[in-house]
Amino acid sequence: MVDLFLDAGAQLGESPRWHAAEARLYWVDIDAHCIHRTDPATGTTETMQMTGAVGCVAPRAQGGLVVGLKDGCALIDAWGDVPHAFGPQVLAGIPEQRFNDGCVDAAGRLWIGSVTSDKSNPGAMLFRLDPDGDLTPMIGGLLTSNGAAFSPDGRTFYHADTPTHALRAYDVDPATGELGDDRLFHQFETGTGRPDGGTVDADGCYWSALWDGWRVVRLSPAGELLQTVEMPVQRPSMIALGGADLRTAFVTSAGKNLTEAERKAQPHAGGLFTFRVDVPGVAQPGFAG
């Protein structure tokens, strides 16, 4: 059963990340320029206001956060501190692009992609941010980089260019962070929702939130549809597995750009939702920078 965990009213809720040491859920509202930290035990949410769009957030191994902002990545040393730029600000001077979805691999590298508002020009990219600040382009020719996640053994990288309705799987060398061959992992039918944010569970199955699809789905390591969870909102945006046993699914959603009729049909659009899963998630590593 899906429960409304937090009636957040987010414009564009995204990037839920479970912080096991703090027992807190971090997440962002991209368009409201906010980073949130929610305590599931009390329902209390703390908020950090940014000066611009914040596409994703992830804990750092040494404490603090790494975030993807409009022009590049930044580090936040402690909650409430001002972010400071980290690595090349490669999107500076490109007004139609900003950083979007990202995830950290087992070696502590941040894989982060951009999104472009110019849908006639697939100029967005996926990058790998190493702990020393080096930023390496990994995949180009994208419109909306999303769905970044790794298999439990770190040898498969999942990724979506959301408008294509396709999820792809890439071979990856866990030691070097180099990508190898890729394959079509799952193709969603047009009109049934587009793959947005995702995560992987301990069995190696991939969970995908389907934007405009009213649901999240679980796919086998072979890309077969195993489970569908219907959501009370049109635009679930990303899923994370957390809680003490890593068996609580947290799903963010978006409430912006809805018609009056659409909003009436989903009064909790922009909320955070939870449901229980049978297979736990994988503990998320911290960014090593």
C-alpha atoms as a PDB file:
ATOM      1  CA  MET A   1       0.000   0.000   0.000  1.00  0.00           C
ATOM      2  CA  VAL A   2       1.284   3.439  -0.940  1.00  0.00           C
ATOM      3  CA  ASP A   3       1.168   6.028   1.860  1.00  0.00           C
ATOM      4  CA  LEU A   4       1.522   9.787   1.720  1.00  0.00           C
ATOM      5  CA  PHE A   5       4.638  10.296   3.800  1.00  0.00           C
ATOM      6  CA  LEU A   6       4.957  14.071   3.444  1.00  0.00           C
ATOM      7  CA  ASP A   7       2.485  16.416   1.757  1.00  0.00           C
ATOM      8  CA  ALA A   8       5.399  18.546   0.597  1.00  0.00           C
ATOM      9  CA  GLY A   9       3.784  20.345  -2.317  1.00  0.00           C
ATOM     10  CA  ALA A  10       7.088  20.275  -4.183  1.00  0.00           C
ATOM     11  CA  GLN A  11       7.294  21.873  -7.594  1.00  0.00           C
ATOM     12  CA  LEU A  12       9.843  19.304  -8.784  1.00  0.00           C
ATOM     13  CA  GLY A  13      10.746  16.874  -6.022  1.00  0.00           C
ATOM     14  CA  GLU A  14      13.790  14.765  -6.882  1.00  0.00           C
ATOM     15  CA  SER A  15      16.928  12.951  -5.736  1.00  0.00           C
ATOM     16  CA  PRO A  16      15.781  11.116  -2.584  1.00  0.00           C
ATOM     17  CA  ARG A  17      18.879   9.724  -0.830  1.00  0.00           C
ATOM     18  CA  TRP A  18      18.793   7.711   2.396  1.00  0.00           C
ATOM     19  CA  HIS A  19      21.534   8.682   4.861  1.00  0.00           C
ATOM     20  CA  ALA A  20      21.898   5.601   7.057  1.00  0.00           C
ATOM     21  CA  ALA A  21      24.179   7.159   9.672  1.00  0.00           C
ATOM     22  CA  GLU A  22      21.765  10.037  10.250  1.00  0.00           C
ATOM     23  CA  ALA A  23      18.572   8.010   9.635  1.00  0.00           C
ATOM     24  CA  ARG A  24      17.410  10.896   7.451  1.00  0.00           C
ATOM     25  CA  LEU A  25      16.105  11.213   3.906  1.00  0.00           C
ATOM     26  CA  TYR A  26      17.729  13.920   1.819  1.00  0.00           C
ATOM     27  CA  TRP A  27      15.899  15.186  -1.251  1.00  0.00           C
ATOM     28  CA  VAL A  28      15.593  18.311  -3.373  1.00  0.00           C
ATOM     29  CA  ASP A  29      12.972  20.538  -4.949  1.00  0.00           C
ATOM     30  CA  ILE A  30      14.779  21.540  -8.127  1.00  0.00           C
ATOM     31  CA  ASP A  31      12.579  24.456  -9.131  1.00  0.00           C
ATOM     32  CA  ALA A  32      12.210  25.819  -5.594  1.00  0.00           C
ATOM     33  CA  HIS A  33      16.017  25.736  -5.221  1.00  0.00           C
ATOM     34  CA  CYS A  34      15.828  23.751  -1.975  1.00  0.00           C
ATOM     35  CA  ILE A  35      17.613  20.856  -0.301  1.00  0.00           C
ATOM     36  CA  HIS A  36      15.465  19.070   2.276  1.00  0.00           C
ATOM     37  CA  ARG A  37      16.356  16.695   5.107  1.00  0.00           C
ATOM     38  CA  THR A  38      13.442  14.719   6.537  1.00  0.00           C
ATOM     39  CA  ASP A  39      13.359  12.634   9.715  1.00  0.00           C
ATOM     40  CA  PRO A  40      10.954   9.720   9.124  1.00  0.00           C
ATOM     41  CA  ALA A  41      10.624   9.149  12.872  1.00  0.00           C
ATOM     42  CA  THR A  42       9.112  12.580  13.480  1.00  0.00           C
ATOM     43  CA  GLY A  43       8.132  13.804  10.014  1.00  0.00           C
ATOM     44  CA  THR A  44      10.206  16.926  10.647  1.00  0.00           C
ATOM     45  CA  THR A  45      11.824  18.481   7.577  1.00  0.00           C
ATOM     46  CA  GLU A  46      14.750  20.912   7.596  1.00  0.00           C
ATOM     47  CA  THR A  47      15.415  23.025   4.502  1.00  0.00           C
ATOM     48  CA  MET A  48      18.449  24.697   2.981  1.00  0.00           C
ATOM     49  CA  GLN A  49      17.646  27.420   0.455  1.00  0.00           C
ATOM     50  CA  MET A  50      19.972  27.569  -2.544  1.00  0.00           C
ATOM     51  CA  THR A  51      20.359  30.554  -4.881  1.00  0.00           C
ATOM     52  CA  GLY A  52      19.524  28.496  -7.986  1.00  0.00           C
ATOM     53  CA  ALA A  53      18.351  25.121  -9.229  1.00  0.00           C
ATOM     54  CA  VAL A  54      19.731  22.082  -7.410  1.00  0.00           C
ATOM     55  CA  GLY A  55      19.433  18.938  -9.523  1.00  0.00           C
ATOM     56  CA  CYS A  56      20.646  16.272  -7.113  1.00  0.00           C
ATOM     57  CA  VAL A  57      22.229  15.700  -3.734  1.00  0.00           C
ATOM     58  CA  ALA A  58      24.313  12.915  -2.179  1.00  0.00           C
ATOM     59  CA  PRO A  59      26.093  12.492   1.163  1.00  0.00           C
ATOM     60  CA  ARG A  60      29.883  12.676   1.298  1.00  0.00           C
ATOM     61  CA  ALA A  61      31.890   9.936   2.998  1.00  0.00           C
ATOM     62  CA  GLN A  62      33.654  12.446   5.282  1.00  0.00           C
ATOM     63  CA  GLY A  63      30.451  14.345   6.098  1.00  0.00           C
ATOM     64  CA  GLY A  64      28.538  17.034   4.316  1.00  0.00           C
ATOM     65  CA  LEU A  65      27.041  16.840   0.837  1.00  0.00           C
ATOM     66  CA  VAL A  66      27.867  16.968  -2.847  1.00  0.00           C
ATOM     67  CA  VAL A  67      25.282  18.697  -5.031  1.00  0.00           C
ATOM     68  CA  GLY A  68      24.669  19.270  -8.714  1.00  0.00           C
ATOM     69  CA  LEU A  69      23.776  22.900  -9.371  1.00  0.00           C
ATOM     70  CA  LYS A  70      23.049  24.950 -12.469  1.00  0.00           C
ATOM     71  CA  ASP A  71      26.622  25.299 -13.762  1.00  0.00           C
ATOM     72  CA  GLY A  72      28.485  22.479 -12.041  1.00  0.00           C
ATOM     73  CA  CYS A  73      29.006  20.510  -8.859  1.00  0.00           C
ATOM     74  CA  ALA A  74      29.601  21.908  -5.384  1.00  0.00           C
ATOM     75  CA  LEU A  75      30.434  20.678  -1.901  1.00  0.00           C
ATOM     76  CA  ILE A  76      28.586  21.570   1.296  1.00  0.00           C
ATOM     77  CA  ASP A  77      30.816  20.897   4.297  1.00  0.00           C
ATOM     78  CA  ALA A  78      28.023  20.788   6.888  1.00  0.00           C
ATOM     79  CA  TRP A  79      24.286  21.316   6.987  1.00  0.00           C
ATOM     80  CA  GLY A  80      23.531  25.007   6.622  1.00  0.00           C
ATOM     81  CA  ASP A  81      26.893  25.916   5.085  1.00  0.00           C
ATOM     82  CA  VAL A  82      27.184  27.779   1.793  1.00  0.00           C
ATOM     83  CA  PRO A  83      28.119  25.478  -1.128  1.00  0.00           C
ATOM     84  CA  HIS A  84      31.506  25.964  -2.765  1.00  0.00           C
ATOM     85  CA  ALA A  85      32.238  24.972  -6.351  1.00  0.00           C
ATOM     86  CA  PHE A  86      34.039  21.670  -6.890  1.00  0.00           C
ATOM     87  CA  GLY A  87      35.385  20.657 -10.278  1.00  0.00           C
ATOM     88  CA  PRO A  88      34.923  22.432 -13.614  1.00  0.00           C
ATOM     89  CA  GLN A  89      31.754  24.490 -13.913  1.00  0.00           C
ATOM     90  CA  VAL A  90      31.183  23.134 -17.409  1.00  0.00           C
ATOM     91  CA  LEU A  91      27.627  24.407 -17.873  1.00  0.00           C
ATOM     92  CA  ALA A  92      28.440  28.028 -17.092  1.00  0.00           C
ATOM     93  CA  GLY A  93      27.436  30.110 -20.092  1.00  0.00           C
ATOM     94  CA  ILE A  94      24.994  27.457 -21.330  1.00  0.00           C
ATOM     95  CA  PRO A  95      21.683  28.893 -20.106  1.00  0.00           C
ATOM     96  CA  GLU A  96      19.547  26.096 -21.545  1.00  0.00           C
ATOM     97  CA  GLN A  97      21.337  23.426 -19.494  1.00  0.00           C
ATOM     98  CA  ARG A  98      21.632  22.570 -15.797  1.00  0.00           C
ATOM     99  CA  PHE A  99      22.767  19.553 -13.830  1.00  0.00           C
ATOM    100  CA  ASN A 100      20.133  16.934 -13.074  1.00  0.00           C
ATOM    101  CA  ASP A 101      20.146  13.322 -11.829  1.00  0.00           C
ATOM    102  CA  GLY A 102      23.203  11.719 -10.236  1.00  0.00           C
ATOM    103  CA  CYS A 103      24.437   8.818  -8.102  1.00  0.00           C
ATOM    104  CA  VAL A 104      27.631   7.722  -6.351  1.00  0.00           C
ATOM    105  CA  ASP A 105      29.430   4.476  -7.233  1.00  0.00           C
ATOM    106  CA  ALA A 106      31.241   2.138  -4.826  1.00  0.00           C
ATOM    107  CA  ALA A 107      34.549   3.934  -5.420  1.00  0.00           C
ATOM    108  CA  GLY A 108      33.028   7.230  -4.275  1.00  0.00           C
ATOM    109  CA  ARG A 109      32.712   8.835  -7.716  1.00  0.00           C
ATOM    110  CA  LEU A 110      29.649  10.917  -8.607  1.00  0.00           C
ATOM    111  CA  TRP A 111      27.963  10.116 -11.927  1.00  0.00           C
ATOM    112  CA  ILE A 112      25.910  13.152 -12.852  1.00  0.00           C
ATOM    113  CA  GLY A 113      24.066  14.211 -15.974  1.00  0.00           C
ATOM    114  CA  SER A 114      22.630  17.389 -17.391  1.00  0.00           C
ATOM    115  CA  VAL A 115      19.298  18.331 -18.958  1.00  0.00           C
ATOM    116  CA  THR A 116      18.635  20.776 -21.748  1.00  0.00           C
ATOM    117  CA  SER A 117      15.524  22.863 -22.284  1.00  0.00           C
ATOM    118  CA  ASP A 118      16.379  23.044 -26.025  1.00  0.00           C
ATOM    119  CA  LYS A 119      14.688  19.816 -27.100  1.00  0.00           C
ATOM    120  CA  SER A 120      15.778  20.331 -30.729  1.00  0.00           C
ATOM    121  CA  ASN A 121      19.415  20.029 -29.673  1.00  0.00           C
ATOM    122  CA  PRO A 122      20.538  16.921 -27.765  1.00  0.00           C
ATOM    123  CA  GLY A 123      23.437  18.683 -26.107  1.00  0.00           C
ATOM    124  CA  ALA A 124      23.127  17.273 -22.582  1.00  0.00           C
ATOM    125  CA  MET A 125      25.732  14.849 -21.233  1.00  0.00           C
ATOM    126  CA  LEU A 126      26.541  12.391 -18.485  1.00  0.00           C
ATOM    127  CA  PHE A 127      29.749  13.091 -16.568  1.00  0.00           C
ATOM    128  CA  ARG A 128      31.820  11.293 -13.947  1.00  0.00           C
ATOM    129  CA  LEU A 129      33.086  13.491 -11.119  1.00  0.00           C
ATOM    130  CA  ASP A 130      36.114  11.923  -9.434  1.00  0.00           C
ATOM    131  CA  PRO A 131      37.039  12.631  -5.791  1.00  0.00           C
ATOM    132  CA  ASP A 132      39.954  14.825  -6.925  1.00  0.00           C
ATOM    133  CA  GLY A 133      37.599  17.117  -8.863  1.00  0.00           C
ATOM    134  CA  ASP A 134      38.292  15.779 -12.349  1.00  0.00           C
ATOM    135  CA  LEU A 135      35.134  15.801 -14.486  1.00  0.00           C
ATOM    136  CA  THR A 136      35.043  13.322 -17.376  1.00  0.00           C
ATOM    137  CA  PRO A 137      32.365  13.276 -20.117  1.00  0.00           C
ATOM    138  CA  MET A 138      30.941   9.746 -20.361  1.00  0.00           C
ATOM    139  CA  ILE A 139      27.819   9.830 -22.586  1.00  0.00           C
ATOM    140  CA  GLY A 140      26.799  12.617 -24.975  1.00  0.00           C
ATOM    141  CA  GLY A 141      23.915  13.456 -27.277  1.00  0.00           C
ATOM    142  CA  LEU A 142      21.310  13.495 -24.508  1.00  0.00           C
ATOM    143  CA  LEU A 143      18.198  15.535 -23.765  1.00  0.00           C
ATOM    144  CA  THR A 144      17.491  14.552 -20.147  1.00  0.00           C
ATOM    145  CA  SER A 145      20.070  12.462 -18.308  1.00  0.00           C
ATOM    146  CA  ASN A 146      18.288  10.357 -15.688  1.00  0.00           C
ATOM    147  CA  GLY A 147      18.007   6.996 -13.962  1.00  0.00           C
ATOM    148  CA  ALA A 148      21.654   6.623 -12.939  1.00  0.00           C
ATOM    149  CA  ALA A 149      22.219   3.523 -10.777  1.00  0.00           C
ATOM    150  CA  PHE A 150      24.686   0.656 -10.403  1.00  0.00           C
ATOM    151  CA  SER A 151      24.189  -3.083 -10.006  1.00  0.00           C
ATOM    152  CA  PRO A 152      25.197  -4.474  -6.591  1.00  0.00           C
ATOM    153  CA  ASP A 153      28.495  -5.800  -8.001  1.00  0.00           C
ATOM    154  CA  GLY A 154      29.241  -2.435  -9.612  1.00  0.00           C
ATOM    155  CA  ARG A 155      29.710  -3.936 -13.065  1.00  0.00           C
ATOM    156  CA  THR A 156      26.524  -2.632 -14.682  1.00  0.00           C
ATOM    157  CA  PHE A 157      25.522   1.007 -14.963  1.00  0.00           C
ATOM    158  CA  TYR A 158      21.880   1.882 -15.702  1.00  0.00           C
ATOM    159  CA  HIS A 159      20.927   5.119 -17.408  1.00  0.00           C
ATOM    160  CA  ALA A 160      17.980   6.746 -19.199  1.00  0.00           C
ATOM    161  CA  ASP A 161      17.627   9.611 -21.638  1.00  0.00           C
ATOM    162  CA  THR A 162      14.066  10.185 -20.472  1.00  0.00           C
ATOM    163  CA  PRO A 163      12.426  11.387 -23.737  1.00  0.00           C
ATOM    164  CA  THR A 164      13.525   8.186 -25.518  1.00  0.00           C
ATOM    165  CA  HIS A 165      11.363   6.075 -23.137  1.00  0.00           C
ATOM    166  CA  ALA A 166      14.369   3.729 -22.935  1.00  0.00           C
ATOM    167  CA  LEU A 167      16.572   2.399 -20.152  1.00  0.00           C
ATOM    168  CA  ARG A 168      20.061   1.295 -21.180  1.00  0.00           C
ATOM    169  CA  ALA A 169      22.594  -0.880 -19.351  1.00  0.00           C
ATOM    170  CA  TYR A 170      26.343  -0.319 -19.722  1.00  0.00           C
ATOM    171  CA  ASP A 171      29.247  -2.553 -18.804  1.00  0.00           C
ATOM    172  CA  VAL A 172      31.498  -0.664 -16.413  1.00  0.00           C
ATOM    173  CA  ASP A 173      34.890  -1.353 -14.870  1.00  0.00           C
ATOM    174  CA  PRO A 174      34.433  -0.724 -11.120  1.00  0.00           C
ATOM    175  CA  ALA A 175      38.148  -0.035 -10.658  1.00  0.00           C
ATOM    176  CA  THR A 176      38.644   2.556 -13.398  1.00  0.00           C
ATOM    177  CA  GLY A 177      35.107   3.860 -13.891  1.00  0.00           C
ATOM    178  CA  GLU A 178      35.333   3.315 -17.637  1.00  0.00           C
ATOM    179  CA  LEU A 179      32.191   2.387 -19.574  1.00  0.00           C
ATOM    180  CA  GLY A 180      32.126  -0.502 -22.030  1.00  0.00           C
ATOM    181  CA  ASP A 181      29.425  -1.934 -24.257  1.00  0.00           C
ATOM    182  CA  ASP A 182      25.809  -0.911 -23.777  1.00  0.00           C
ATOM    183  CA  ARG A 183      22.505  -2.577 -24.535  1.00  0.00           C
ATOM    184  CA  LEU A 184      18.819  -1.741 -24.456  1.00  0.00           C
ATOM    185  CA  PHE A 185      17.647  -2.773 -21.000  1.00  0.00           C
ATOM    186  CA  HIS A 186      13.946  -1.915 -21.254  1.00  0.00           C
ATOM    187  CA  GLN A 187      11.856   0.085 -23.718  1.00  0.00           C
ATOM    188  CA  PHE A 188       8.652   1.625 -22.350  1.00  0.00           C
ATOM    189  CA  GLU A 189       5.765   2.137 -24.746  1.00  0.00           C
ATOM    190  CA  THR A 190       5.038   5.721 -25.731  1.00  0.00           C
ATOM    191  CA  GLY A 191       2.220   7.180 -23.667  1.00  0.00           C
ATOM    192  CA  THR A 192       2.752   4.910 -20.649  1.00  0.00           C
ATOM    193  CA  GLY A 193       5.255   7.086 -18.805  1.00  0.00           C
ATOM    194  CA  ARG A 194       8.929   7.925 -19.249  1.00  0.00           C
ATOM    195  CA  PRO A 195      11.786   6.573 -17.086  1.00  0.00           C
ATOM    196  CA  ASP A 196      12.922   9.219 -14.608  1.00  0.00           C
ATOM    197  CA  GLY A 197      14.948   8.453 -11.462  1.00  0.00           C
ATOM    198  CA  GLY A 198      15.809   4.908 -10.425  1.00  0.00           C
ATOM    199  CA  THR A 199      17.580   2.677  -7.942  1.00  0.00           C
ATOM    200  CA  VAL A 200      18.715  -0.951  -7.589  1.00  0.00           C
ATOM    201  CA  ASP A 201      17.849  -3.446  -4.845  1.00  0.00           C
ATOM    202  CA  ALA A 202      19.943  -6.215  -3.272  1.00  0.00           C
ATOM    203  CA  ASP A 203      18.726  -8.758  -5.851  1.00  0.00           C
ATOM    204  CA  GLY A 204      20.022  -6.557  -8.653  1.00  0.00           C
ATOM    205  CA  CYS A 205      16.542  -5.531  -9.786  1.00  0.00           C
ATOM    206  CA  TYR A 206      16.062  -1.992 -11.050  1.00  0.00           C
ATOM    207  CA  TRP A 207      13.262   0.263  -9.801  1.00  0.00           C
ATOM    208  CA  SER A 208      12.155   3.092 -12.126  1.00  0.00           C
ATOM    209  CA  ALA A 209       9.827   6.020 -11.447  1.00  0.00           C
ATOM    210  CA  LEU A 210       7.753   6.713 -14.555  1.00  0.00           C
ATOM    211  CA  TRP A 211       7.121  10.405 -15.210  1.00  0.00           C
ATOM    212  CA  ASP A 212       3.571  10.894 -16.535  1.00  0.00           C
ATOM    213  CA  GLY A 213       3.058   7.185 -15.872  1.00  0.00           C
ATOM    214  CA  TRP A 214       1.332   7.205 -12.443  1.00  0.00           C
ATOM    215  CA  ARG A 215       3.535   4.310 -11.308  1.00  0.00           C
ATOM    216  CA  VAL A 216       6.920   2.911 -10.393  1.00  0.00           C
ATOM    217  CA  VAL A 217       8.082  -0.449 -11.700  1.00  0.00           C
ATOM    218  CA  ARG A 218      10.599  -3.128 -10.751  1.00  0.00           C
ATOM    219  CA  LEU A 219      12.581  -4.776 -13.524  1.00  0.00           C
ATOM    220  CA  SER A 220      14.656  -7.947 -13.332  1.00  0.00           C
ATOM    221  CA  PRO A 221      18.408  -7.858 -14.115  1.00  0.00           C
ATOM    222  CA  ALA A 222      17.368  -9.055 -17.580  1.00  0.00           C
ATOM    223  CA  GLY A 223      14.991  -6.110 -18.003  1.00  0.00           C
ATOM    224  CA  GLU A 224      11.734  -8.035 -17.518  1.00  0.00           C
ATOM    225  CA  LEU A 225       8.823  -6.308 -15.769  1.00  0.00           C
ATOM    226  CA  LEU A 226       8.359  -7.950 -12.366  1.00  0.00           C
ATOM    227  CA  GLN A 227       6.213  -5.536 -10.388  1.00  0.00           C
ATOM    228  CA  THR A 228       4.133  -2.401 -10.850  1.00  0.00           C
ATOM    229  CA  VAL A 229       3.206  -0.073  -7.986  1.00  0.00           C
ATOM    230  CA  GLU A 230       0.432   2.358  -8.883  1.00  0.00           C
ATOM    231  CA  MET A 231       0.982   5.854  -7.529  1.00  0.00           C
ATOM    232  CA  PRO A 232      -1.636   8.519  -6.654  1.00  0.00           C
ATOM    233  CA  VAL A 233       0.295  11.118  -8.666  1.00  0.00           C
ATOM    234  CA  GLN A 234       0.939  11.517 -12.368  1.00  0.00           C
ATOM    235  CA  ARG A 235       4.597  12.414 -12.089  1.00  0.00           C
ATOM    236  CA  PRO A 236       6.585  10.251  -9.691  1.00  0.00           C
ATOM    237  CA  SER A 237      10.137  11.417 -10.257  1.00  0.00           C
ATOM    238  CA  MET A 238      12.570   9.189  -8.362  1.00  0.00           C
ATOM    239  CA  ILE A 239      12.678   6.281  -5.934  1.00  0.00           C
ATOM    240  CA  ALA A 240      15.094   5.413  -3.128  1.00  0.00           C
ATOM    241  CA  LEU A 241      15.144   2.431  -0.771  1.00  0.00           C
ATOM    242  CA  GLY A 242      15.898   3.299   2.837  1.00  0.00           C
ATOM    243  CA  GLY A 243      14.810   3.058   6.429  1.00  0.00           C
ATOM    244  CA  ALA A 244      16.507   0.959   9.099  1.00  0.00           C
ATOM    245  CA  ASP A 245      16.072  -2.244   7.072  1.00  0.00           C
ATOM    246  CA  LEU A 246      16.397  -0.576   3.632  1.00  0.00           C
ATOM    247  CA  ARG A 247      12.934  -1.910   2.796  1.00  0.00           C
ATOM    248  CA  THR A 248      11.015   1.359   2.704  1.00  0.00           C
ATOM    249  CA  ALA A 249      10.606   2.890  -0.727  1.00  0.00           C
ATOM    250  CA  PHE A 250      10.622   6.694  -0.777  1.00  0.00           C
ATOM    251  CA  VAL A 251       9.197   8.266  -3.940  1.00  0.00           C
ATOM    252  CA  THR A 252       9.384  11.963  -4.812  1.00  0.00           C
ATOM    253  CA  SER A 253       6.962  13.628  -7.214  1.00  0.00           C
ATOM    254  CA  ALA A 254       6.279  16.875  -9.062  1.00  0.00           C
ATOM    255  CA  GLY A 255       3.355  19.249  -8.772  1.00  0.00           C
ATOM    256  CA  LYS A 256       4.234  21.909 -11.337  1.00  0.00           C
ATOM    257  CA  ASN A 257       2.543  22.594 -14.673  1.00  0.00           C
ATOM    258  CA  LEU A 258      -0.693  20.779 -13.854  1.00  0.00           C
ATOM    259  CA  THR A 259      -4.053  21.941 -15.101  1.00  0.00           C
ATOM    260  CA  GLU A 260      -6.823  22.645 -12.625  1.00  0.00           C
ATOM    261  CA  ALA A 261      -8.467  19.331 -13.533  1.00  0.00           C
ATOM    262  CA  GLU A 262      -5.192  17.432 -13.170  1.00  0.00           C
ATOM    263  CA  ARG A 263      -4.503  18.979  -9.795  1.00  0.00           C
ATOM    264  CA  LYS A 264      -8.003  18.093  -8.587  1.00  0.00           C
ATOM    265  CA  ALA A 265      -7.362  14.471  -9.559  1.00  0.00           C
ATOM    266  CA  GLN A 266      -4.083  14.388  -7.597  1.00  0.00           C
ATOM    267  CA  PRO A 267      -4.289  16.808  -4.673  1.00  0.00           C
ATOM    268  CA  HIS A 268      -1.038  15.507  -3.201  1.00  0.00           C
ATOM    269  CA  ALA A 269       1.075  16.027  -6.333  1.00  0.00           C
ATOM    270  CA  GLY A 270       4.529  17.133  -5.253  1.00  0.00           C
ATOM    271  CA  GLY A 271       4.322  14.930  -2.160  1.00  0.00           C
ATOM    272  CA  LEU A 272       6.694  12.281  -0.838  1.00  0.00           C
ATOM    273  CA  PHE A 273       5.261   8.761  -0.783  1.00  0.00           C
ATOM    274  CA  THR A 274       6.306   5.490   0.825  1.00  0.00           C
ATOM    275  CA  PHE A 275       5.588   1.802   0.473  1.00  0.00           C
ATOM    276  CA  ARG A 276       7.242  -1.355   1.757  1.00  0.00           C
ATOM    277  CA  VAL A 277       9.257  -3.716  -0.447  1.00  0.00           C
ATOM    278  CA  ASP A 278      10.216  -7.357  -0.005  1.00  0.00           C
ATOM    279  CA  VAL A 279      13.849  -7.020  -1.102  1.00  0.00           C
ATOM    280  CA  PRO A 280      16.008  -4.395   0.618  1.00  0.00           C
ATOM    281  CA  GLY A 281      17.995  -1.759  -1.156  1.00  0.00           C
ATOM    282  CA  VAL A 282      21.771  -1.452  -1.299  1.00  0.00           C
ATOM    283  CA  ALA A 283      23.601   0.805   1.153  1.00  0.00           C
ATOM    284  CA  GLN A 284      24.566   3.961  -0.722  1.00  0.00           C
ATOM    285  CA  PRO A 285      28.273   4.894  -0.675  1.00  0.00           C
ATOM    286  CA  GLY A 286      29.300   8.461   0.067  1.00  0.00           C
ATOM    287  CA  PHE A 287      31.092  10.739  -2.367  1.00  0.00           C
ATOM    288  CA  ALA A 288      34.814  10.506  -1.567  1.00  0.00           C
ATOM    289  CA  GLY A 289      35.648  14.122  -2.400  1.00  0.00           C
END
